Amino acid sequence: MDLDFHLHKIQSLSPKAAKIALRTLDRDPRVPTEWVTVLRPALVDRSGESPSLGGTDWMTLAAIERPGIRRFTERFESREQRHARLWVLSLRSASRRHDRNSSYGDESVYGAL
């Protein structure tokens, strides 16, 4: 359900917001590989008409990776940058919930012995 929500939400992102989200998604080890496989093509398609990332876009990327600096970057953040940041943070939160819900109990990845 969370993956479907984020997939459909991509269409409401601006092309630049999709480009920022894509840049973050490609480097995020916290998001399951199968989610990246589904989300990446939609983000690539949506970000196709986006101009190159500018200075404040890089500040948004830094704020995603280091939430402590967000208080400095919020003053410069545009609406589309905020949407990208919130989409990424929501995806990470959904990924953590997914990881907790899909625990294997006593079984390993290879099954019970």
Protein backbone atom coordinates (compact mmCIF):
# COMPACT_ATOMS: atom_id res chain seq x y z
CA MET A 1 0.00 0.00 0.00
CA ASP A 2 2.77 2.48 0.84
CA LEU A 3 4.58 1.78 -2.39
CA ASP A 4 1.41 2.38 -4.43
CA PHE A 5 0.82 5.67 -2.61
CA HIS A 6 4.32 6.92 -3.41
CA LEU A 7 4.12 5.72 -7.00
CA HIS A 8 0.89 7.66 -7.59
CA LYS A 9 2.22 10.70 -5.74
CA ILE A 10 5.05 11.02 -8.29
CA GLN A 11 2.54 12.40 -10.81
CA SER A 12 1.83 15.34 -8.51
CA LEU A 13 5.52 16.23 -8.20
CA SER A 14 6.91 18.91 -10.48
CA PRO A 15 9.66 17.78 -12.88
CA LYS A 16 12.31 19.45 -10.69
CA ALA A 17 10.90 17.86 -7.51
CA ALA A 18 10.99 14.48 -9.28
CA LYS A 19 14.63 15.09 -10.24
CA ILE A 20 15.55 15.90 -6.63
CA ALA A 21 13.68 12.80 -5.41
CA LEU A 22 15.37 10.65 -8.06
CA ARG A 23 18.81 11.88 -7.07
CA THR A 24 18.07 10.93 -3.46
CA LEU A 25 16.44 7.60 -4.30
CA ASP A 26 19.45 6.45 -6.31
CA ARG A 27 21.75 6.88 -3.30
CA ASP A 28 19.46 5.68 -0.50
CA PRO A 29 20.32 2.25 0.92
CA ARG A 30 17.30 2.42 3.27
CA VAL A 31 14.78 1.98 0.45
CA PRO A 32 14.26 -1.66 -0.62
CA THR A 33 15.71 -2.48 -4.03
CA GLU A 34 12.35 -3.71 -5.32
CA TRP A 35 10.81 -0.33 -4.45
CA VAL A 36 13.59 1.51 -6.29
CA THR A 37 12.97 -0.74 -9.30
CA VAL A 38 9.31 0.31 -9.36
CA LEU A 39 9.71 4.00 -8.47
CA ARG A 40 12.79 4.91 -10.51
CA PRO A 41 11.22 4.67 -14.02
CA ALA A 42 8.29 6.87 -12.95
CA LEU A 43 10.66 9.47 -11.46
CA VAL A 44 12.86 9.41 -14.58
CA ASP A 45 9.80 9.92 -16.77
CA ARG A 46 8.46 12.74 -14.60
CA SER A 47 11.80 14.54 -14.31
CA GLY A 48 12.56 14.45 -18.04
CA GLU A 49 11.76 18.11 -18.69
CA SER A 50 13.48 19.45 -15.59
CA PRO A 51 16.29 21.98 -15.84
CA SER A 52 19.62 21.28 -14.16
CA LEU A 53 19.74 21.40 -10.39
CA GLY A 54 20.64 24.79 -8.95
CA GLY A 55 22.21 25.94 -5.70
CA THR A 56 19.09 25.79 -3.57
CA ASP A 57 18.26 22.35 -5.00
CA TRP A 58 21.59 21.12 -3.64
CA MET A 59 20.71 22.66 -0.30
CA THR A 60 17.48 20.66 -0.29
CA LEU A 61 19.44 17.48 -1.04
CA ALA A 62 21.74 18.28 1.87
CA ALA A 63 18.75 18.91 4.14
CA ILE A 64 17.34 15.51 3.24
CA GLU A 65 20.59 13.80 4.19
CA ARG A 66 21.28 15.96 7.25
CA PRO A 67 18.00 17.05 8.88
CA GLY A 68 19.92 19.23 11.36
CA ILE A 69 20.70 21.78 8.67
CA ARG A 70 17.09 22.02 7.52
CA ARG A 71 16.43 24.97 9.79
CA PHE A 72 18.98 26.93 7.74
CA THR A 73 17.74 25.75 4.36
CA GLU A 74 13.98 26.15 4.91
CA ARG A 75 14.18 29.90 4.24
CA PHE A 76 15.47 29.24 0.73
CA GLU A 77 13.38 26.17 -0.07
CA SER A 78 10.80 26.52 -2.83
CA ARG A 79 7.48 24.72 -2.86
CA GLU A 80 8.72 22.09 -5.32
CA GLN A 81 11.87 21.50 -3.26
CA ARG A 82 9.75 21.06 -0.13
CA HIS A 83 7.50 18.58 -1.97
CA ALA A 84 10.54 16.57 -3.05
CA ARG A 85 11.97 16.55 0.49
CA LEU A 86 8.65 15.50 2.03
CA TRP A 87 8.13 12.77 -0.60
CA VAL A 88 11.58 11.31 0.15
CA LEU A 89 11.10 11.47 3.92
CA SER A 90 7.67 9.85 3.59
CA LEU A 91 9.18 7.09 1.44
CA ARG A 92 11.89 6.44 4.04
CA SER A 93 9.28 6.25 6.79
CA ALA A 94 7.19 3.81 4.76
CA SER A 95 10.32 1.75 4.10
CA ARG A 96 11.03 1.50 7.84
CA ARG A 97 7.43 0.38 8.50
CA HIS A 98 7.75 -2.18 5.71
CA ASP A 99 10.98 -3.54 7.23
CA ARG A 100 9.37 -3.90 10.66
CA ASN A 101 6.27 -5.62 9.25
CA SER A 102 8.22 -8.09 7.14
CA SER A 103 10.41 -9.49 9.90
CA TYR A 104 11.25 -13.13 9.48
CA GLY A 105 10.94 -14.11 13.11
CA ASP A 106 13.26 -17.01 13.84
CA GLU A 107 13.75 -17.86 10.19
CA SER A 108 16.69 -16.62 8.19
CA VAL A 109 16.48 -15.26 4.66
CA TYR A 110 17.03 -18.82 3.46
CA GLY A 111 14.15 -20.27 5.46
CA ALA A 112 13.91 -22.36 8.59
CA LEU A 113 16.42 -25.12 9.17
